[in-house]
């Protein structure tokens, strides 16, 4: 296999993805004599300063030990500094395996606030991550699958979304900071993007940028339907700021490192442009008085952009980003008056089923729409049937079939996970109930 920089250059230049670009191998590759990356979930990037190692991110709790061992096998020097690009669990959860070196932990000052929020919402985070990656809350295992190498996390009241011994920041900043460690001068820049506590690092003497999750070799994760607000416009601004320093090497926290000023500029510019256009199009529609329904079904990026190796919607996707733009600029209400203070789903579904002549016509129409390719409408009808008859095994079997078909048709992990969880939810309900319809 080609080295990482050669591989990324070939894929970007050709536009053909013929090898995985987001890999979880826990193997270390040197990018320069004093710089290495351990490909994991997330990556850890290690810099040998001559006076200790600086590690950008520590990977997650499930991969952190292997990552730390790979770094120590590369250099026996002490890890003097850990820099969190942001506070997501897959970036900070592995820090426990670096604790023996007593490193300074550097982060934007909002990271500590995030870690405290994770403590307050521990069970909620277990639930949404189970669903995001295809599981069902309350089952014995949360299978993270291909996103993190197929590892499993036992869930339950004793399980911690983030380990209690995760290292908290010891050096915090607001907008900018500069670390001087050994021979290295590292400029840290805060910008909102995937999170409100994100930073990117610039080594001006080397023209290196550590981009964190501002680049993930997928469409930007700016719309995750189960997580807190993301910031697409500011994300694009951060990419423009990186572009302005004209890096010769860009190292993300997910995906392949990229070498070459022109190649990096092309990638950063493309990703920034797609986000900027989405924001502009959504705001134009909002200013024209459009409802969220009209915006969701009317705003689309250029399909040619989504075909680029670093913009494929395989994790997050544009439709979810559109919703997040609406939420950021327009609040949570979608513009439909009935949904401002809605009736309970089960009550509405019961009336619809009554008008339809029972749940069986809803199920039959749902399956017909699915067979005709309208899986969006099929899922609405299947949900109505299940809400109207929650104990009906036949309804749930039909709903599970429809959601499995929906999962197979979707490109993004976000959608696949949620639809798989819905199917599994109905499969479990069907197993516990007799069949009456479907």
Protein backbone atom coordinates (compact mmCIF):
# COMPACT_ATOMS: atom_id res chain seq x y z
CA UNK A 1 0.00 0.00 0.00
CA UNK A 2 1.22 3.47 -0.85
CA UNK A 3 2.22 5.79 1.99
CA UNK A 4 -0.55 8.06 3.24
CA UNK A 5 0.53 11.23 1.48
CA UNK A 6 0.99 9.46 -1.84
CA UNK A 7 -2.39 7.78 -1.41
CA UNK A 8 -4.23 11.00 -0.63
CA UNK A 9 -2.55 12.83 -3.51
CA UNK A 10 -3.57 10.13 -5.96
CA UNK A 11 -7.17 10.07 -4.76
CA UNK A 12 -7.57 13.86 -4.79
CA UNK A 13 -5.87 14.32 -8.14
CA UNK A 14 -7.78 11.51 -9.85
CA UNK A 15 -11.09 11.98 -8.08
CA UNK A 16 -11.30 8.20 -7.73
CA UNK A 17 -11.64 6.60 -4.28
CA UNK A 18 -10.29 3.10 -4.80
CA UNK A 19 -9.04 2.57 -1.23
CA UNK A 20 -10.53 3.50 2.16
CA UNK A 21 -9.82 7.06 3.22
CA UNK A 22 -11.20 6.87 6.77
CA UNK A 23 -9.34 4.01 8.38
CA UNK A 24 -9.11 2.71 11.94
CA UNK A 25 -5.94 0.65 12.01
CA UNK A 26 -4.28 2.01 15.18
CA UNK A 27 -1.07 1.93 13.14
CA UNK A 28 1.45 4.75 13.09
CA UNK A 29 2.81 6.37 9.93
CA UNK A 30 5.54 8.98 9.78
CA UNK A 31 4.67 12.11 7.85
CA UNK A 32 8.05 13.75 8.52
CA UNK A 33 11.09 12.95 10.63
CA UNK A 34 9.44 14.48 13.68
CA UNK A 35 5.75 14.07 12.87
CA UNK A 36 3.58 10.96 12.93
CA UNK A 37 -0.09 10.02 12.74
CA UNK A 38 -1.84 7.06 14.31
CA UNK A 39 -4.94 6.28 12.24
CA UNK A 40 -7.75 5.63 14.65
CA UNK A 41 -11.14 6.95 15.80
CA UNK A 42 -10.06 9.73 16.02
CA UNK A 43 -6.48 9.97 14.82
CA UNK A 44 -3.71 11.05 17.15
CA UNK A 45 -1.01 13.25 15.61
CA UNK A 46 2.32 13.26 17.46
CA UNK A 47 5.01 15.92 17.12
CA UNK A 48 8.51 15.37 18.52
CA UNK A 49 9.65 18.82 19.62
CA UNK A 50 13.05 17.73 20.92
CA UNK A 51 11.76 18.51 24.41
CA UNK A 52 8.85 16.13 24.68
CA UNK A 53 6.01 15.04 22.43
CA UNK A 54 2.96 17.14 21.63
CA UNK A 55 -0.05 14.96 20.79
CA UNK A 56 -3.01 16.45 18.98
CA UNK A 57 -6.00 14.44 20.28
CA UNK A 58 -5.84 11.11 22.07
CA UNK A 59 -8.51 9.07 20.26
CA UNK A 60 -11.41 7.54 22.15
CA UNK A 61 -11.54 5.33 25.20
CA UNK A 62 -11.80 2.15 23.12
CA UNK A 63 -8.80 2.93 20.94
CA UNK A 64 -6.72 5.14 23.21
CA UNK A 65 -4.55 2.41 24.65
CA UNK A 66 -3.49 1.12 21.23
CA UNK A 67 -2.86 4.69 20.07
CA UNK A 68 -0.72 5.52 23.11
CA UNK A 69 1.29 2.32 22.64
CA UNK A 70 1.90 3.16 18.99
CA UNK A 71 3.15 6.63 19.92
CA UNK A 72 5.49 5.25 22.60
CA UNK A 73 6.85 2.68 20.18
CA UNK A 74 7.68 5.51 17.80
CA UNK A 75 9.36 7.76 20.39
CA UNK A 76 10.21 7.00 24.02
CA UNK A 77 10.08 10.69 24.94
CA UNK A 78 7.52 11.95 27.45
CA UNK A 79 4.25 13.35 26.14
CA UNK A 80 4.60 16.85 27.55
CA UNK A 81 1.46 18.33 25.96
CA UNK A 82 -1.89 17.05 24.75
CA UNK A 83 -3.86 19.42 22.55
CA UNK A 84 -7.57 18.73 22.22
CA UNK A 85 -8.80 19.97 18.85
CA UNK A 86 -12.27 19.82 20.46
CA UNK A 87 -14.08 18.02 23.22
CA UNK A 88 -15.80 15.15 21.43
CA UNK A 89 -15.38 11.81 23.17
CA UNK A 90 -13.48 10.21 20.30
CA UNK A 91 -10.83 12.91 20.66
CA UNK A 92 -10.47 13.14 24.45
CA UNK A 93 -11.62 9.76 25.79
CA UNK A 94 -8.24 8.12 25.24
CA UNK A 95 -6.41 10.69 27.35
CA UNK A 96 -6.41 8.33 30.35
CA UNK A 97 -3.66 6.35 28.57
CA UNK A 98 -1.43 9.44 28.44
CA UNK A 99 -2.03 10.40 32.07
CA UNK A 100 1.15 8.76 33.36
CA UNK A 101 3.23 11.42 31.60
CA UNK A 102 1.31 14.19 33.41
CA UNK A 103 1.01 16.28 30.26
CA UNK A 104 -0.26 19.81 30.06
CA UNK A 105 -3.69 19.55 28.45
CA UNK A 106 -4.39 22.46 26.12
CA UNK A 107 -7.89 23.29 24.82
CA UNK A 108 -10.35 26.04 24.09
CA UNK A 109 -12.06 27.09 27.31
CA UNK A 110 -15.45 25.71 26.20
CA UNK A 111 -14.08 22.15 26.25
CA UNK A 112 -14.36 21.98 30.04
CA UNK A 113 -17.98 23.11 29.77
CA UNK A 114 -18.61 20.32 27.24
CA UNK A 115 -17.08 17.67 29.51
CA UNK A 116 -19.33 18.83 32.33
CA UNK A 117 -22.34 18.61 30.01
CA UNK A 118 -21.38 15.04 29.17
CA UNK A 119 -21.50 14.22 32.87
CA UNK A 120 -24.98 15.73 33.15
CA UNK A 121 -26.29 13.90 30.06
CA UNK A 122 -24.45 10.60 30.35
CA UNK A 123 -27.45 8.33 29.70
CA UNK A 124 -28.77 10.56 26.92
CA UNK A 125 -25.43 10.40 25.12
CA UNK A 126 -25.40 6.61 25.39
CA UNK A 127 -28.89 6.53 23.90
CA UNK A 128 -28.20 8.81 20.95
CA UNK A 129 -24.90 7.18 20.10
CA UNK A 130 -26.53 3.75 20.17
CA UNK A 131 -29.10 5.06 17.72
CA UNK A 132 -26.60 6.97 15.58
CA UNK A 133 -24.54 3.87 15.02
CA UNK A 134 -27.47 1.52 14.50
CA UNK A 135 -28.34 0.13 17.92
CA UNK A 136 -31.37 0.53 20.15
CA UNK A 137 -31.28 2.16 23.60
CA UNK A 138 -31.44 -0.38 26.39
CA UNK A 139 -29.88 -3.28 24.54
CA UNK A 140 -26.76 -4.89 25.91
CA UNK A 141 -24.32 -3.57 23.35
CA UNK A 142 -23.74 -0.39 21.43
CA UNK A 143 -22.13 -1.52 18.19
CA UNK A 144 -20.20 1.35 16.69
CA UNK A 145 -19.36 -0.74 13.64
CA UNK A 146 -17.29 0.48 10.74
CA UNK A 147 -17.01 3.99 12.11
CA UNK A 148 -14.63 2.84 14.83
CA UNK A 149 -13.36 -0.52 13.75
CA UNK A 150 -16.24 -2.71 14.90
CA UNK A 151 -15.78 -2.32 18.65
CA UNK A 152 -18.63 -2.66 21.13
CA UNK A 153 -19.43 -0.73 24.27
CA UNK A 154 -21.61 -2.27 26.97
CA UNK A 155 -24.42 0.11 27.90
CA UNK A 156 -26.47 0.50 31.02
CA UNK A 157 -26.70 2.69 34.07
CA UNK A 158 -23.08 2.00 35.10
CA UNK A 159 -21.62 2.75 31.67
CA UNK A 160 -19.93 6.10 31.18
CA UNK A 161 -20.17 7.90 27.86
CA UNK A 162 -16.91 9.61 28.80
CA UNK A 163 -14.60 8.02 31.40
CA UNK A 164 -14.43 9.81 34.73
CA UNK A 165 -10.63 9.82 34.48
CA UNK A 166 -10.60 11.74 31.19
CA UNK A 167 -7.97 14.46 31.46
CA UNK A 168 -9.46 17.91 31.82
CA UNK A 169 -7.80 20.97 30.29
CA UNK A 170 -5.05 22.58 32.33
CA UNK A 171 -4.26 25.37 29.86
CA UNK A 172 -7.24 27.11 28.30
CA UNK A 173 -7.64 30.00 25.89
CA UNK A 174 -10.39 31.96 24.17
CA UNK A 175 -9.41 32.99 20.63
CA UNK A 176 -5.68 32.45 20.11
CA UNK A 177 -2.75 30.90 21.92
CA UNK A 178 0.84 30.05 21.08
CA UNK A 179 2.66 27.03 22.48
CA UNK A 180 6.44 27.00 22.45
CA UNK A 181 7.68 23.50 23.17
CA UNK A 182 11.29 22.64 22.44
CA UNK A 183 11.98 23.67 18.87
CA UNK A 184 8.30 23.98 17.93
CA UNK A 185 6.13 27.07 17.85
CA UNK A 186 2.45 26.12 17.57
CA UNK A 187 -0.26 28.68 16.94
CA UNK A 188 -3.72 27.68 18.14
CA UNK A 189 -6.81 29.28 16.61
CA UNK A 190 -10.36 28.90 17.91
CA UNK A 191 -13.22 28.67 15.44
CA UNK A 192 -16.75 27.34 15.67
CA UNK A 193 -17.59 24.51 13.30
CA UNK A 194 -18.56 20.99 14.30
CA UNK A 195 -18.46 22.31 17.87
CA UNK A 196 -18.23 25.63 19.68
CA UNK A 197 -14.93 24.58 21.29
CA UNK A 198 -12.92 23.70 18.20
CA UNK A 199 -9.39 24.77 17.39
CA UNK A 200 -6.99 24.29 14.54
CA UNK A 201 -3.22 24.44 14.94
CA UNK A 202 -0.66 26.06 12.67
CA UNK A 203 3.10 25.52 12.73
CA UNK A 204 4.21 28.53 10.69
CA UNK A 205 7.90 27.52 10.47
CA UNK A 206 6.89 24.26 8.82
CA UNK A 207 3.69 25.36 7.05
CA UNK A 208 1.79 22.56 8.75
CA UNK A 209 -1.86 22.68 9.83
CA UNK A 210 -3.57 20.26 12.22
CA UNK A 211 -7.18 20.61 11.16
CA UNK A 212 -9.05 18.49 13.69
CA UNK A 213 -12.57 17.77 12.39
CA UNK A 214 -12.77 20.80 10.13
CA UNK A 215 -11.88 18.25 7.43
CA UNK A 216 -13.08 14.65 7.76
CA UNK A 217 -12.94 13.33 4.18
CA UNK A 218 -16.73 13.28 4.12
CA UNK A 219 -19.35 15.95 3.76
CA UNK A 220 -18.88 18.19 6.83
CA UNK A 221 -20.49 16.87 9.99
CA UNK A 222 -22.45 20.09 10.37
CA UNK A 223 -25.97 18.69 10.62
CA UNK A 224 -25.98 15.68 12.97
CA UNK A 225 -29.71 15.34 13.78
CA UNK A 226 -29.17 14.18 17.37
CA UNK A 227 -26.47 16.58 18.54
CA UNK A 228 -26.28 20.20 19.61
CA UNK A 229 -25.92 23.15 17.25
CA UNK A 230 -23.20 23.11 14.60
CA UNK A 231 -21.97 26.20 12.75
CA UNK A 232 -21.66 25.81 8.95
CA UNK A 233 -20.85 29.44 8.13
CA UNK A 234 -18.17 29.70 10.79
CA UNK A 235 -16.86 26.31 9.67
CA UNK A 236 -16.34 27.69 6.19
CA UNK A 237 -14.62 30.71 7.69
CA UNK A 238 -12.17 28.48 9.55
CA UNK A 239 -11.32 26.66 6.32
CA UNK A 240 -10.71 30.04 4.63
CA UNK A 241 -8.42 31.01 7.49
CA UNK A 242 -6.43 27.80 7.07
CA UNK A 243 -6.22 28.41 3.35
CA UNK A 244 -4.82 31.89 4.01
CA UNK A 245 -1.72 30.54 5.80
CA UNK A 246 -0.90 28.48 2.68
CA UNK A 247 -0.10 25.17 4.35
CA UNK A 248 2.13 22.61 2.68
CA UNK A 249 0.84 19.79 4.89
CA UNK A 250 -2.65 19.44 6.35
CA UNK A 251 -3.39 16.70 8.86
CA UNK A 252 -7.04 16.05 9.79
CA UNK A 253 -8.33 14.06 12.75
CA UNK A 254 -10.29 11.75 10.42
CA UNK A 255 -9.21 10.77 6.94
CA UNK A 256 -5.92 11.10 5.10
CA UNK A 257 -3.26 13.78 5.50
CA UNK A 258 -2.76 15.99 2.45
CA UNK A 259 0.47 17.37 1.02
CA UNK A 260 1.01 20.21 -1.44
CA UNK A 261 -0.09 23.83 -1.23
CA UNK A 262 -2.27 23.81 -4.35
CA UNK A 263 -3.90 20.49 -3.51
CA UNK A 264 -4.69 21.60 0.03
CA UNK A 265 -6.08 24.90 -1.22
CA UNK A 266 -8.36 23.06 -3.64
CA UNK A 267 -9.75 20.81 -0.93
CA UNK A 268 -10.24 23.55 1.65
CA UNK A 269 -11.78 25.85 -0.94
CA UNK A 270 -14.19 23.21 -2.20
CA UNK A 271 -15.45 22.32 1.27
CA UNK A 272 -15.77 25.98 2.28
CA UNK A 273 -17.65 26.83 -0.91
CA UNK A 274 -20.21 24.04 -0.47
CA UNK A 275 -20.97 25.19 3.08
CA UNK A 276 -21.12 28.85 2.08
CA UNK A 277 -23.56 28.11 -0.74
CA UNK A 278 -25.80 26.02 1.51
CA UNK A 279 -25.94 28.80 4.09
CA UNK A 280 -26.62 31.44 1.43
CA UNK A 281 -29.37 29.39 -0.20
CA UNK A 282 -31.10 28.58 3.08
CA UNK A 283 -31.00 32.20 4.23
CA UNK A 284 -32.32 33.38 0.88
CA UNK A 285 -35.25 31.00 1.20
CA UNK A 286 -35.91 32.03 4.80
CA UNK A 287 -35.82 35.69 3.85
CA UNK A 288 -38.38 34.94 1.13
CA UNK A 289 -40.71 33.49 3.75
CA UNK A 290 -40.24 29.79 2.99
CA UNK A 291 -41.21 27.15 5.52
CA UNK A 292 -38.73 24.56 6.70
CA UNK A 293 -40.51 21.95 4.56
CA UNK A 294 -39.96 24.12 1.48
CA UNK A 295 -36.32 24.74 2.41
CA UNK A 296 -35.53 21.07 3.04
CA UNK A 297 -36.97 19.97 -0.29
CA UNK A 298 -35.73 22.97 -2.25
CA UNK A 299 -32.12 23.53 -1.23
CA UNK A 300 -29.61 21.10 -2.70
CA UNK A 301 -25.86 21.30 -3.34
CA UNK A 302 -24.42 20.57 -6.75
CA UNK A 303 -24.27 16.75 -7.12
CA UNK A 304 -20.87 17.12 -8.81
CA UNK A 305 -19.47 18.57 -5.59
CA UNK A 306 -20.79 15.63 -3.57
CA UNK A 307 -18.94 13.22 -5.86
CA UNK A 308 -15.54 14.59 -4.82
CA UNK A 309 -13.52 12.19 -2.63
CA UNK A 310 -13.56 14.53 0.37
CA UNK A 311 -17.23 15.65 0.09
CA UNK A 312 -19.16 12.40 -0.22
CA UNK A 313 -22.22 12.37 2.11
CA UNK A 314 -21.32 9.09 3.77
CA UNK A 315 -21.39 10.28 7.41
CA UNK A 316 -23.48 13.44 7.59
CA UNK A 317 -25.40 14.85 4.63
CA UNK A 318 -26.57 18.19 3.19
CA UNK A 319 -30.24 17.80 4.14
CA UNK A 320 -29.29 17.59 7.81
CA UNK A 321 -27.01 20.61 7.47
CA UNK A 322 -29.90 22.56 5.95
CA UNK A 323 -31.94 21.81 9.07
CA UNK A 324 -29.09 22.97 11.29
CA UNK A 325 -28.78 26.23 9.38
CA UNK A 326 -32.51 26.79 9.89
CA UNK A 327 -32.16 26.04 13.59
CA UNK A 328 -29.21 28.42 13.99
CA UNK A 329 -30.86 31.35 12.24
CA UNK A 330 -34.55 30.65 12.66
CA UNK A 331 -35.19 28.62 15.80
CA UNK A 332 -36.84 25.23 16.21
CA UNK A 333 -40.34 25.85 14.87
CA UNK A 334 -40.75 24.68 11.28
CA UNK A 335 -43.47 27.13 10.22
CA UNK A 336 -46.41 24.71 10.31
CA UNK A 337 -48.92 26.12 12.81
CA UNK A 338 -50.22 22.70 13.89
CA UNK A 339 -46.73 21.66 14.94
CA UNK A 340 -46.18 24.65 17.22
CA UNK A 341 -48.11 22.85 19.98
CA UNK A 342 -48.89 19.44 18.41
CA UNK A 343 -51.22 16.69 19.42
CA UNK A 344 -49.46 13.58 20.74
CA UNK A 345 -48.30 11.34 17.89
CA UNK A 346 -50.37 8.42 19.16
CA UNK A 347 -53.55 10.52 19.29
CA UNK A 348 -53.10 11.86 15.76
CA UNK A 349 -52.24 8.38 14.47
CA UNK A 350 -55.32 6.84 16.08
CA UNK A 351 -57.60 9.36 14.34
CA UNK A 352 -55.87 8.85 10.98
CA UNK A 353 -56.21 5.07 11.35
CA UNK A 354 -59.87 5.44 12.24
CA UNK A 355 -60.48 7.57 9.13
CA UNK A 356 -58.53 5.09 7.00
CA UNK A 357 -60.63 2.17 8.24
CA UNK A 358 -57.99 0.73 10.59
CA UNK A 359 -54.26 0.23 10.67
CA UNK A 360 -54.26 -2.41 7.92
CA UNK A 361 -54.94 0.12 5.12
CA UNK A 362 -52.11 2.27 6.47
CA UNK A 363 -49.75 -0.69 6.47
CA UNK A 364 -50.79 -1.78 2.98
CA UNK A 365 -50.36 1.72 1.58
CA UNK A 366 -46.99 2.06 3.33
CA UNK A 367 -45.76 -1.14 1.73
CA UNK A 368 -47.12 -0.07 -1.66
CA UNK A 369 -45.32 3.28 -1.44
CA UNK A 370 -42.12 1.51 -0.42
CA UNK A 371 -42.42 -0.84 -3.39
CA UNK A 372 -42.94 2.18 -5.66
CA UNK A 373 -39.79 3.81 -4.30
CA UNK A 374 -41.32 6.54 -2.12
CA UNK A 375 -39.68 5.48 1.11
CA UNK A 376 -40.15 8.89 2.72
CA UNK A 377 -43.94 8.59 2.50
CA UNK A 378 -43.82 4.89 3.37
CA UNK A 379 -42.03 5.64 6.63
CA UNK A 380 -44.60 8.28 7.61
CA UNK A 381 -47.42 5.79 7.08
CA UNK A 382 -45.60 3.00 8.87
CA UNK A 383 -44.99 5.25 11.88
CA UNK A 384 -48.64 6.27 11.98
CA UNK A 385 -49.69 2.62 11.95
CA UNK A 386 -47.25 1.72 14.75
CA UNK A 387 -48.27 4.69 16.90
CA UNK A 388 -51.94 3.81 16.43
CA UNK A 389 -51.38 0.12 17.24
CA UNK A 390 -48.21 -0.12 19.33
CA UNK A 391 -48.91 -3.70 20.38
CA UNK A 392 -49.60 -5.08 16.91
CA UNK A 393 -46.84 -7.44 15.82
CA UNK A 394 -47.85 -7.41 12.17
CA UNK A 395 -47.69 -3.64 12.02
CA UNK A 396 -44.23 -3.69 13.55
CA UNK A 397 -42.98 -6.37 11.17
CA UNK A 398 -44.09 -4.27 8.24
CA UNK A 399 -42.54 -1.16 9.76
CA UNK A 400 -39.25 -3.02 10.29
CA UNK A 401 -39.19 -4.13 6.65
CA UNK A 402 -39.80 -0.60 5.45
CA UNK A 403 -37.12 0.92 7.62
CA UNK A 404 -34.60 -1.72 6.60
CA UNK A 405 -35.32 -0.82 2.98
CA UNK A 406 -34.93 2.85 3.88
CA UNK A 407 -31.60 2.13 5.54
CA UNK A 408 -30.33 0.32 2.46
CA UNK A 409 -31.26 3.25 0.24
CA UNK A 410 -29.53 5.93 2.32
CA UNK A 411 -25.91 7.02 1.80
CA UNK A 412 -25.05 8.57 5.19
CA UNK A 413 -24.15 6.75 8.37
CA UNK A 414 -26.35 9.21 10.30
CA UNK A 415 -29.48 8.18 8.40
CA UNK A 416 -28.55 4.51 8.19
CA UNK A 417 -28.05 4.30 11.94
CA UNK A 418 -31.33 5.93 12.85
CA UNK A 419 -33.31 3.85 10.35
CA UNK A 420 -31.62 0.65 11.46
CA UNK A 421 -32.49 1.51 15.06
CA UNK A 422 -36.12 2.08 14.04
CA UNK A 423 -36.22 -1.30 12.31
CA UNK A 424 -34.70 -3.06 15.29
CA UNK A 425 -37.14 -1.28 17.60
CA UNK A 426 -40.06 -2.69 15.62
CA UNK A 427 -38.47 -6.13 15.37
CA UNK A 428 -38.26 -6.27 19.16
CA UNK A 429 -41.86 -5.06 19.48
CA UNK A 430 -43.04 -7.65 16.98
CA UNK A 431 -41.26 -10.43 18.83
CA UNK A 432 -43.19 -9.49 21.96
CA UNK A 433 -46.62 -9.21 20.33
CA UNK A 434 -49.03 -11.31 18.24
CA UNK A 435 -49.48 -10.58 14.55
CA UNK A 436 -52.75 -8.89 13.58
CA UNK A 437 -51.92 -7.04 10.39
CA UNK A 438 -49.36 -6.70 7.64
